[in-house]
Amino acid sequence: RGQGMLTACKSNEKNIATALEMYASDNSGKYPADLQPLISGKYLLRIPTCPAAGKDTYTESYQVQATPDLFSFYCSGHNHGDLLPAGYPQYNAEMGLIDHP
């Protein structure tokens, strides 16, 4: 069960990253300052929830920088028990999904 929730969390991160890339494509390559512009319905219907935590664990960790344009976020908290340490999985614009330390 824990492995299934971890897989769903990783999938959520990939979906958020895809939405961020679509947003940047529509906005001169710039990522949003926070995740709220993604839920316009054009990119995401809502910010997904980590199934292990039962809430949005991605918004609070989202960071963006302008030069160069990059973003990163992770599943905040220690939500995946013995499978991963707190703060994983992670996603960033340069490396993609980082699912282990």
PDB file of N, CA and C in Angstrom:
ATOM      1  N   ARG A   1       0.827  -1.202   0.000  1.00  0.00           N
ATOM      2  CA  ARG A   1       0.000   0.000   0.000  1.00  0.00           C
ATOM      3  C   ARG A   1       0.866   1.259   0.000  1.00  0.00           C
ATOM      4  N   GLY A   2       1.909   1.265   0.827  1.00  0.00           N
ATOM      5  CA  GLY A   2       2.806   2.416   0.890  1.00  0.00           C
ATOM      6  C   GLY A   2       3.496   2.681  -0.433  1.00  0.00           C
ATOM      7  N   GLN A   3       3.905   1.617  -1.115  1.00  0.00           N
ATOM      8  CA  GLN A   3       4.570   1.773  -2.412  1.00  0.00           C
ATOM      9  C   GLN A   3       3.609   2.367  -3.439  1.00  0.00           C
ATOM     10  N   GLY A   4       2.355   1.968  -3.392  1.00  0.00           N
ATOM     11  CA  GLY A   4       1.352   2.517  -4.309  1.00  0.00           C
ATOM     12  C   GLY A   4       1.127   4.003  -4.078  1.00  0.00           C
ATOM     13  N   MET A   5       1.098   4.413  -2.817  1.00  0.00           N
ATOM     14  CA  MET A   5       0.917   5.835  -2.510  1.00  0.00           C
ATOM     15  C   MET A   5       2.146   6.633  -2.939  1.00  0.00           C
ATOM     16  N   LEU A   6       3.326   6.054  -2.788  1.00  0.00           N
ATOM     17  CA  LEU A   6       4.548   6.721  -3.239  1.00  0.00           C
ATOM     18  C   LEU A   6       4.539   6.886  -4.754  1.00  0.00           C
ATOM     19  N   THR A   7       4.128   5.864  -5.461  1.00  0.00           N
ATOM     20  CA  THR A   7       4.038   5.949  -6.923  1.00  0.00           C
ATOM     21  C   THR A   7       3.054   7.035  -7.341  1.00  0.00           C
ATOM     22  N   ALA A   8       1.926   7.133  -6.646  1.00  0.00           N
ATOM     23  CA  ALA A   8       0.946   8.181  -6.952  1.00  0.00           C
ATOM     24  C   ALA A   8       1.513   9.564  -6.657  1.00  0.00           C
ATOM     25  N   CYS A   9       2.289   9.695  -5.584  1.00  0.00           N
ATOM     26  CA  CYS A   9       2.914  10.976  -5.246  1.00  0.00           C
ATOM     27  C   CYS A   9       3.889  11.395  -6.347  1.00  0.00           C
ATOM     28  N   LYS A  10       4.686  10.461  -6.818  1.00  0.00           N
ATOM     29  CA  LYS A  10       5.619  10.752  -7.922  1.00  0.00           C
ATOM     30  C   LYS A  10       4.859  11.172  -9.174  1.00  0.00           C
ATOM     31  N   SER A  11       3.758  10.507  -9.447  1.00  0.00           N
ATOM     32  CA  SER A  11       2.929  10.867 -10.601  1.00  0.00           C
ATOM     33  C   SER A  11       2.368  12.282 -10.444  1.00  0.00           C
ATOM     34  N   ASN A  12       1.940  12.634  -9.230  1.00  0.00           N
ATOM     35  CA  ASN A  12       1.465  13.994  -8.967  1.00  0.00           C
ATOM     36  C   ASN A  12       2.551  15.012  -9.297  1.00  0.00           C
ATOM     37  N   GLU A  13       3.772  14.730  -8.875  1.00  0.00           N
ATOM     38  CA  GLU A  13       4.877  15.658  -9.128  1.00  0.00           C
ATOM     39  C   GLU A  13       5.127  15.810 -10.628  1.00  0.00           C
ATOM     40  N   LYS A  14       5.062  14.733 -11.359  1.00  0.00           N
ATOM     41  CA  LYS A  14       5.244  14.813 -12.813  1.00  0.00           C
ATOM     42  C   LYS A  14       4.133  15.639 -13.451  1.00  0.00           C
ATOM     43  N   ASN A  15       2.903  15.477 -12.965  1.00  0.00           N
ATOM     44  CA  ASN A  15       1.781  16.260 -13.499  1.00  0.00           C
ATOM     45  C   ASN A  15       1.943  17.750 -13.200  1.00  0.00           C
ATOM     46  N   ILE A  16       2.378  18.078 -11.997  1.00  0.00           N
ATOM     47  CA  ILE A  16       2.615  19.484 -11.650  1.00  0.00           C
ATOM     48  C   ILE A  16       3.723  20.051 -12.531  1.00  0.00           C
ATOM     49  N   ALA A  17       4.790  19.288 -12.720  1.00  0.00           N
ATOM     50  CA  ALA A  17       5.906  19.756 -13.555  1.00  0.00           C
ATOM     51  C   ALA A  17       5.458  19.972 -14.997  1.00  0.00           C
ATOM     52  N   THR A  18       4.632  19.093 -15.512  1.00  0.00           N
ATOM     53  CA  THR A  18       4.107  19.265 -16.875  1.00  0.00           C
ATOM     54  C   THR A  18       3.273  20.536 -16.953  1.00  0.00           C
ATOM     55  N   ALA A  19       2.444  20.776 -15.948  1.00  0.00           N
ATOM     56  CA  ALA A  19       1.638  22.004 -15.911  1.00  0.00           C
ATOM     57  C   ALA A  19       2.533  23.238 -15.841  1.00  0.00           C
ATOM     58  N   LEU A  20       3.610  23.175 -15.074  1.00  0.00           N
ATOM     59  CA  LEU A  20       4.553  24.304 -14.991  1.00  0.00           C
ATOM     60  C   LEU A  20       5.205  24.571 -16.340  1.00  0.00           C
ATOM     61  N   GLU A  21       5.571  23.528 -17.044  1.00  0.00           N
ATOM     62  CA  GLU A  21       6.176  23.709 -18.376  1.00  0.00           C
ATOM     63  C   GLU A  21       5.173  24.293 -19.366  1.00  0.00           C
ATOM     64  N   MET A  22       3.927  23.839 -19.295  1.00  0.00           N
ATOM     65  CA  MET A  22       2.892  24.398 -20.174  1.00  0.00           C
ATOM     66  C   MET A  22       2.664  25.870 -19.849  1.00  0.00           C
ATOM     67  N   TYR A  23       2.621  26.198 -18.573  1.00  0.00           N
ATOM     68  CA  TYR A  23       2.461  27.590 -18.155  1.00  0.00           C
ATOM     69  C   TYR A  23       3.615  28.433 -18.698  1.00  0.00           C
ATOM     70  N   ALA A  24       4.844  27.947 -18.552  1.00  0.00           N
ATOM     71  CA  ALA A  24       6.011  28.691 -19.028  1.00  0.00           C
ATOM     72  C   ALA A  24       5.955  28.879 -20.542  1.00  0.00           C
ATOM     73  N   SER A  25       5.492  27.873 -21.253  1.00  0.00           N
ATOM     74  CA  SER A  25       5.365  27.999 -22.718  1.00  0.00           C
ATOM     75  C   SER A  25       4.406  29.119 -23.105  1.00  0.00           C
ATOM     76  N   ASP A  26       3.376  29.299 -22.298  1.00  0.00           N
ATOM     77  CA  ASP A  26       2.380  30.344 -22.567  1.00  0.00           C
ATOM     78  C   ASP A  26       2.788  31.708 -22.025  1.00  0.00           C
ATOM     79  N   ASN A  27       3.877  31.770 -21.243  1.00  0.00           N
ATOM     80  CA  ASN A  27       4.255  33.014 -20.562  1.00  0.00           C
ATOM     81  C   ASN A  27       5.730  33.351 -20.745  1.00  0.00           C
ATOM     82  N   SER A  28       6.170  33.356 -21.979  1.00  0.00           N
ATOM     83  CA  SER A  28       7.534  33.771 -22.341  1.00  0.00           C
ATOM     84  C   SER A  28       8.622  33.022 -21.573  1.00  0.00           C
ATOM     85  N   GLY A  29       8.366  31.737 -21.279  1.00  0.00           N
ATOM     86  CA  GLY A  29       9.369  30.920 -20.614  1.00  0.00           C
ATOM     87  C   GLY A  29       9.477  31.138 -19.122  1.00  0.00           C
ATOM     88  N   LYS A  30       8.582  31.913 -18.546  1.00  0.00           N
ATOM     89  CA  LYS A  30       8.627  32.220 -17.107  1.00  0.00           C
ATOM     90  C   LYS A  30       7.693  31.297 -16.331  1.00  0.00           C
ATOM     91  N   TYR A  31       8.200  30.776 -15.219  1.00  0.00           N
ATOM     92  CA  TYR A  31       7.376  29.962 -14.331  1.00  0.00           C
ATOM     93  C   TYR A  31       6.624  30.884 -13.381  1.00  0.00           C
ATOM     94  N   PRO A  32       5.473  30.444 -12.866  1.00  0.00           N
ATOM     95  CA  PRO A  32       4.719  31.303 -11.940  1.00  0.00           C
ATOM     96  C   PRO A  32       5.431  31.433 -10.595  1.00  0.00           C
ATOM     97  N   ALA A  33       5.133  32.496  -9.880  1.00  0.00           N
ATOM     98  CA  ALA A  33       5.729  32.741  -8.562  1.00  0.00           C
ATOM     99  C   ALA A  33       5.242  31.732  -7.528  1.00  0.00           C
ATOM    100  N   ASP A  34       4.039  31.195  -7.727  1.00  0.00           N
ATOM    101  CA  ASP A  34       3.507  30.135  -6.871  1.00  0.00           C
ATOM    102  C   ASP A  34       2.671  29.210  -7.749  1.00  0.00           C
ATOM    103  N   LEU A  35       2.097  28.185  -7.183  1.00  0.00           N
ATOM    104  CA  LEU A  35       1.375  27.189  -7.985  1.00  0.00           C
ATOM    105  C   LEU A  35      -0.070  27.575  -8.300  1.00  0.00           C
ATOM    106  N   GLN A  36      -0.591  28.621  -7.677  1.00  0.00           N
ATOM    107  CA  GLN A  36      -1.999  28.985  -7.858  1.00  0.00           C
ATOM    108  C   GLN A  36      -2.402  29.266  -9.309  1.00  0.00           C
ATOM    109  N   PRO A  37      -1.544  29.917 -10.131  1.00  0.00           N
ATOM    110  CA  PRO A  37      -1.956  30.152 -11.516  1.00  0.00           C
ATOM    111  C   PRO A  37      -2.178  28.871 -12.326  1.00  0.00           C
ATOM    112  N   LEU A  38      -1.676  27.753 -11.841  1.00  0.00           N
ATOM    113  CA  LEU A  38      -1.857  26.492 -12.568  1.00  0.00           C
ATOM    114  C   LEU A  38      -3.283  25.983 -12.501  1.00  0.00           C
ATOM    115  N   ILE A  39      -4.028  26.379 -11.472  1.00  0.00           N
ATOM    116  CA  ILE A  39      -5.366  25.823 -11.280  1.00  0.00           C
ATOM    117  C   ILE A  39      -6.453  26.659 -11.951  1.00  0.00           C
ATOM    118  N   SER A  40      -6.085  27.323 -13.013  1.00  0.00           N
ATOM    119  CA  SER A  40      -7.050  28.094 -13.789  1.00  0.00           C
ATOM    120  C   SER A  40      -7.980  27.177 -14.569  1.00  0.00           C
ATOM    121  N   GLY A  41      -7.676  25.879 -14.584  1.00  0.00           N
ATOM    122  CA  GLY A  41      -8.438  24.951 -15.413  1.00  0.00           C
ATOM    123  C   GLY A  41      -7.734  24.681 -16.723  1.00  0.00           C
ATOM    124  N   LYS A  42      -6.840  25.569 -17.079  1.00  0.00           N
ATOM    125  CA  LYS A  42      -6.093  25.400 -18.319  1.00  0.00           C
ATOM    126  C   LYS A  42      -4.941  24.417 -18.132  1.00  0.00           C
ATOM    127  N   TYR A  43      -4.382  24.362 -16.939  1.00  0.00           N
ATOM    128  CA  TYR A  43      -3.216  23.515 -16.667  1.00  0.00           C
ATOM    129  C   TYR A  43      -3.546  22.373 -15.703  1.00  0.00           C
ATOM    130  N   LEU A  44      -4.198  22.681 -14.608  1.00  0.00           N
ATOM    131  CA  LEU A  44      -4.644  21.690 -13.624  1.00  0.00           C
ATOM    132  C   LEU A  44      -6.014  22.111 -13.106  1.00  0.00           C
ATOM    133  N   LEU A  45      -6.833  21.141 -12.741  1.00  0.00           N
ATOM    134  CA  LEU A  45      -8.113  21.471 -12.118  1.00  0.00           C
ATOM    135  C   LEU A  45      -7.919  21.853 -10.663  1.00  0.00           C
ATOM    136  N   ARG A  46      -6.920  21.223 -10.019  1.00  0.00           N
ATOM    137  CA  ARG A  46      -6.578  21.523  -8.636  1.00  0.00           C
ATOM    138  C   ARG A  46      -5.150  21.054  -8.408  1.00  0.00           C
ATOM    139  N   ILE A  47      -4.530  21.545  -7.353  1.00  0.00           N
ATOM    140  CA  ILE A  47      -3.219  21.042  -6.969  1.00  0.00           C
ATOM    141  C   ILE A  47      -3.464  19.663  -6.348  1.00  0.00           C
ATOM    142  N   PRO A  48      -2.781  18.637  -6.837  1.00  0.00           N
ATOM    143  CA  PRO A  48      -3.039  17.302  -6.306  1.00  0.00           C
ATOM    144  C   PRO A  48      -2.630  17.155  -4.839  1.00  0.00           C
ATOM    145  N   THR A  49      -3.188  16.151  -4.204  1.00  0.00           N
ATOM    146  CA  THR A  49      -2.831  15.842  -2.827  1.00  0.00           C
ATOM    147  C   THR A  49      -1.976  14.583  -2.796  1.00  0.00           C
ATOM    148  N   CYS A  50      -0.993  14.574  -1.933  1.00  0.00           N
ATOM    149  CA  CYS A  50      -0.196  13.365  -1.714  1.00  0.00           C
ATOM    150  C   CYS A  50      -1.111  12.346  -1.046  1.00  0.00           C
ATOM    151  N   PRO A  51      -1.282  11.166  -1.629  1.00  0.00           N
ATOM    152  CA  PRO A  51      -2.196  10.201  -1.029  1.00  0.00           C
ATOM    153  C   PRO A  51      -1.754   9.730   0.359  1.00  0.00           C
ATOM    154  N   ALA A  52      -0.470   9.738   0.629  1.00  0.00           N
ATOM    155  CA  ALA A  52       0.015   9.313   1.948  1.00  0.00           C
ATOM    156  C   ALA A  52      -0.286  10.358   3.018  1.00  0.00           C
ATOM    157  N   ALA A  53      -0.250  11.631   2.637  1.00  0.00           N
ATOM    158  CA  ALA A  53      -0.503  12.716   3.594  1.00  0.00           C
ATOM    159  C   ALA A  53      -1.965  13.139   3.610  1.00  0.00           C
ATOM    160  N   GLY A  54      -2.682  12.902   2.519  1.00  0.00           N
ATOM    161  CA  GLY A  54      -4.083  13.311   2.436  1.00  0.00           C
ATOM    162  C   GLY A  54      -4.268  14.803   2.250  1.00  0.00           C
ATOM    163  N   LYS A  55      -3.209  15.496   1.795  1.00  0.00           N
ATOM    164  CA  LYS A  55      -3.294  16.946   1.574  1.00  0.00           C
ATOM    165  C   LYS A  55      -2.249  17.362   0.543  1.00  0.00           C
ATOM    166  N   ASP A  56      -2.341  18.608   0.121  1.00  0.00           N
ATOM    167  CA  ASP A  56      -1.352  19.193  -0.790  1.00  0.00           C
ATOM    168  C   ASP A  56      -0.052  19.382  -0.013  1.00  0.00           C
ATOM    169  N   THR A  57       0.970  18.662  -0.412  1.00  0.00           N
ATOM    170  CA  THR A  57       2.277  18.776   0.245  1.00  0.00           C
ATOM    171  C   THR A  57       3.306  19.442  -0.664  1.00  0.00           C
ATOM    172  N   TYR A  58       2.878  19.909  -1.821  1.00  0.00           N
ATOM    173  CA  TYR A  58       3.801  20.431  -2.833  1.00  0.00           C
ATOM    174  C   TYR A  58       3.884  21.960  -2.831  1.00  0.00           C
ATOM    175  N   THR A  59       2.754  22.623  -2.592  1.00  0.00           N
ATOM    176  CA  THR A  59       2.696  24.082  -2.690  1.00  0.00           C
ATOM    177  C   THR A  59       3.680  24.768  -1.751  1.00  0.00           C
ATOM    178  N   GLU A  60       3.754  24.312  -0.500  1.00  0.00           N
ATOM    179  CA  GLU A  60       4.610  24.999   0.471  1.00  0.00           C
ATOM    180  C   GLU A  60       6.097  24.880   0.147  1.00  0.00           C
ATOM    181  N   SER A  61       6.498  23.886  -0.623  1.00  0.00           N
ATOM    182  CA  SER A  61       7.921  23.709  -0.932  1.00  0.00           C
ATOM    183  C   SER A  61       8.319  24.281  -2.295  1.00  0.00           C
ATOM    184  N   TYR A  62       7.338  24.748  -3.064  1.00  0.00           N
ATOM    185  CA  TYR A  62       7.620  25.248  -4.413  1.00  0.00           C
ATOM    186  C   TYR A  62       8.522  26.479  -4.356  1.00  0.00           C
ATOM    187  N   GLN A  63       9.580  26.441  -5.156  1.00  0.00           N
ATOM    188  CA  GLN A  63      10.482  27.581  -5.289  1.00  0.00           C
ATOM    189  C   GLN A  63      10.739  27.822  -6.768  1.00  0.00           C
ATOM    190  N   VAL A  64      10.909  29.094  -7.105  1.00  0.00           N
ATOM    191  CA  VAL A  64      11.190  29.460  -8.491  1.00  0.00           C
ATOM    192  C   VAL A  64      12.288  30.507  -8.499  1.00  0.00           C
ATOM    193  N   GLN A  65      13.113  30.474  -9.524  1.00  0.00           N
ATOM    194  CA  GLN A  65      14.103  31.531  -9.708  1.00  0.00           C
ATOM    195  C   GLN A  65      14.023  32.000 -11.146  1.00  0.00           C
ATOM    196  N   ALA A  66      14.417  33.249 -11.371  1.00  0.00           N
ATOM    197  CA  ALA A  66      14.236  33.865 -12.677  1.00  0.00           C
ATOM    198  C   ALA A  66      15.452  33.768 -13.591  1.00  0.00           C
ATOM    199  N   THR A  67      16.658  33.748 -13.056  1.00  0.00           N
ATOM    200  CA  THR A  67      17.840  33.751 -13.920  1.00  0.00           C
ATOM    201  C   THR A  67      18.814  32.682 -13.483  1.00  0.00           C
ATOM    202  N   PRO A  68      18.897  31.569 -14.130  1.00  0.00           N
ATOM    203  CA  PRO A  68      18.010  31.125 -15.217  1.00  0.00           C
ATOM    204  C   PRO A  68      16.649  30.693 -14.649  1.00  0.00           C
ATOM    205  N   ASP A  69      15.683  30.563 -15.537  1.00  0.00           N
ATOM    206  CA  ASP A  69      14.343  30.171 -15.120  1.00  0.00           C
ATOM    207  C   ASP A  69      14.334  28.709 -14.690  1.00  0.00           C
ATOM    208  N   LEU A  70      14.140  28.491 -13.402  1.00  0.00           N
ATOM    209  CA  LEU A  70      14.121  27.144 -12.830  1.00  0.00           C
ATOM    210  C   LEU A  70      13.053  27.056 -11.745  1.00  0.00           C
ATOM    211  N   PHE A  71      12.625  25.841 -11.453  1.00  0.00           N
ATOM    212  CA  PHE A  71      11.706  25.614 -10.343  1.00  0.00           C
ATOM    213  C   PHE A  71      12.105  24.328  -9.633  1.00  0.00           C
ATOM    214  N   SER A  72      11.630  24.204  -8.397  1.00  0.00           N
ATOM    215  CA  SER A  72      11.788  22.963  -7.651  1.00  0.00           C
ATOM    216  C   SER A  72      10.667  22.873  -6.619  1.00  0.00           C
ATOM    217  N   PHE A  73      10.335  21.659  -6.243  1.00  0.00           N
ATOM    218  CA  PHE A  73       9.370  21.414  -5.174  1.00  0.00           C
ATOM    219  C   PHE A  73       9.537  19.971  -4.713  1.00  0.00           C
ATOM    220  N   TYR A  74       8.938  19.671  -3.580  1.00  0.00           N
ATOM    221  CA  TYR A  74       9.013  18.308  -3.058  1.00  0.00           C
ATOM    222  C   TYR A  74       7.792  18.012  -2.205  1.00  0.00           C
ATOM    223  N   CYS A  75       7.640  16.757  -1.859  1.00  0.00           N
ATOM    224  CA  CYS A  75       6.568  16.332  -0.961  1.00  0.00           C
ATOM    225  C   CYS A  75       7.003  16.687   0.458  1.00  0.00           C
ATOM    226  N   SER A  76       6.396  17.722   1.022  1.00  0.00           N
ATOM    227  CA  SER A  76       6.777  18.235   2.347  1.00  0.00           C
ATOM    228  C   SER A  76       6.335  17.282   3.447  1.00  0.00           C
ATOM    229  N   GLY A  77       7.242  17.003   4.345  1.00  0.00           N
ATOM    230  CA  GLY A  77       6.935  16.147   5.480  1.00  0.00           C
ATOM    231  C   GLY A  77       7.534  14.766   5.315  1.00  0.00           C
ATOM    232  N   HIS A  78       7.320  13.941   6.291  1.00  0.00           N
ATOM    233  CA  HIS A  78       7.805  12.557   6.267  1.00  0.00           C
ATOM    234  C   HIS A  78       6.591  11.665   6.029  1.00  0.00           C
ATOM    235  N   ASN A  79       6.134  11.675   4.774  1.00  0.00           N
ATOM    236  CA  ASN A  79       4.858  11.054   4.434  1.00  0.00           C
ATOM    237  C   ASN A  79       4.966   9.634   3.915  1.00  0.00           C
ATOM    238  N   HIS A  80       6.167   9.193   3.595  1.00  0.00           N
ATOM    239  CA  HIS A  80       6.304   7.893   2.941  1.00  0.00           C
ATOM    240  C   HIS A  80       7.042   6.877   3.797  1.00  0.00           C
ATOM    241  N   GLY A  81       6.893   7.033   5.113  1.00  0.00           N
ATOM    242  CA  GLY A  81       7.394   6.060   6.073  1.00  0.00           C
ATOM    243  C   GLY A  81       8.841   5.677   5.858  1.00  0.00           C
ATOM    244  N   ASP A  82       9.079   4.388   5.827  1.00  0.00           N
ATOM    245  CA  ASP A  82      10.436   3.869   5.675  1.00  0.00           C
ATOM    246  C   ASP A  82      10.901   3.861   4.224  1.00  0.00           C
ATOM    247  N   LEU A  83      10.021   4.197   3.290  1.00  0.00           N
ATOM    248  CA  LEU A  83      10.386   4.149   1.876  1.00  0.00           C
ATOM    249  C   LEU A  83      11.322   5.286   1.477  1.00  0.00           C
ATOM    250  N   LEU A  84      11.100   6.478   2.037  1.00  0.00           N
ATOM    251  CA  LEU A  84      11.909   7.658   1.712  1.00  0.00           C
ATOM    252  C   LEU A  84      12.021   8.568   2.919  1.00  0.00           C
ATOM    253  N   PRO A  85      13.121   9.320   3.010  1.00  0.00           N
ATOM    254  CA  PRO A  85      13.223  10.313   4.089  1.00  0.00           C
ATOM    255  C   PRO A  85      12.310  11.511   3.825  1.00  0.00           C
ATOM    256  N   ALA A  86      12.144  12.338   4.830  1.00  0.00           N
ATOM    257  CA  ALA A  86      11.341  13.562   4.692  1.00  0.00           C
ATOM    258  C   ALA A  86      11.870  14.400   3.533  1.00  0.00           C
ATOM    259  N   GLY A  87      10.946  15.035   2.814  1.00  0.00           N
ATOM    260  CA  GLY A  87      11.340  15.904   1.708  1.00  0.00           C
ATOM    261  C   GLY A  87      11.520  15.189   0.378  1.00  0.00           C
ATOM    262  N   TYR A  88      11.122  13.935   0.308  1.00  0.00           N
ATOM    263  CA  TYR A  88      11.182  13.178  -0.941  1.00  0.00           C
ATOM    264  C   TYR A  88       9.830  12.570  -1.202  1.00  0.00           C
ATOM    265  N   PRO A  89       9.495  12.363  -2.474  1.00  0.00           N
ATOM    266  CA  PRO A  89      10.250  12.659  -3.687  1.00  0.00           C
ATOM    267  C   PRO A  89      10.316  14.153  -3.969  1.00  0.00           C
ATOM    268  N   GLN A  90      11.299  14.516  -4.794  1.00  0.00           N
ATOM    269  CA  GLN A  90      11.512  15.905  -5.203  1.00  0.00           C
ATOM    270  C   GLN A  90      11.405  16.001  -6.720  1.00  0.00           C
ATOM    271  N   TYR A  91      11.205  17.221  -7.192  1.00  0.00           N
ATOM    272  CA  TYR A  91      11.199  17.469  -8.639  1.00  0.00           C
ATOM    273  C   TYR A  91      11.846  18.823  -8.873  1.00  0.00           C
ATOM    274  N   ASN A  92      12.748  18.886  -9.849  1.00  0.00           N
ATOM    275  CA  ASN A  92      13.265  20.196 -10.233  1.00  0.00           C
ATOM    276  C   ASN A  92      13.420  20.273 -11.739  1.00  0.00           C
ATOM    277  N   ALA A  93      13.454  21.491 -12.243  1.00  0.00           N
ATOM    278  CA  ALA A  93      13.460  21.733 -13.676  1.00  0.00           C
ATOM    279  C   ALA A  93      14.699  21.190 -14.368  1.00  0.00           C
ATOM    280  N   GLU A  94      15.797  21.098 -13.667  1.00  0.00           N
ATOM    281  CA  GLU A  94      17.033  20.622 -14.286  1.00  0.00           C
ATOM    282  C   GLU A  94      17.141  19.100 -14.324  1.00  0.00           C
ATOM    283  N   MET A  95      16.795  18.450 -13.215  1.00  0.00           N
ATOM    284  CA  MET A  95      17.018  17.008 -13.094  1.00  0.00           C
ATOM    285  C   MET A  95      15.750  16.170 -13.238  1.00  0.00           C
ATOM    286  N   GLY A  96      14.600  16.804 -13.174  1.00  0.00           N
ATOM    287  CA  GLY A  96      13.357  16.045 -13.217  1.00  0.00           C
ATOM    288  C   GLY A  96      13.058  15.431 -11.859  1.00  0.00           C
ATOM    289  N   LEU A  97      12.473  14.236 -11.871  1.00  0.00           N
ATOM    290  CA  LEU A  97      12.089  13.565 -10.635  1.00  0.00           C
ATOM    291  C   LEU A  97      13.312  13.020  -9.926  1.00  0.00           C
ATOM    292  N   ILE A  98      13.411  13.327  -8.642  1.00  0.00           N
ATOM    293  CA  ILE A  98      14.469  12.800  -7.778  1.00  0.00           C
ATOM    294  C   ILE A  98      13.746  11.987  -6.714  1.00  0.00           C
ATOM    295  N   ASP A  99      13.811  10.668  -6.841  1.00  0.00           N
ATOM    296  CA  ASP A  99      13.005   9.850  -5.959  1.00  0.00           C
ATOM    297  C   ASP A  99      13.767   9.198  -4.818  1.00  0.00           C
ATOM    298  N   HIS A 100      15.026   9.586  -4.641  1.00  0.00           N
ATOM    299  CA  HIS A 100      15.800   9.092  -3.504  1.00  0.00           C
ATOM    300  C   HIS A 100      16.992  10.004  -3.250  1.00  0.00           C
ATOM    301  N   PRO A 101      17.482  10.017  -2.008  1.00  0.00           N
ATOM    302  CA  PRO A 101      18.623  10.890  -1.672  1.00  0.00           C
ATOM    303  C   PRO A 101      19.901  10.475  -2.385  1.00  0.00           C
TER     304      PRO A 101
END
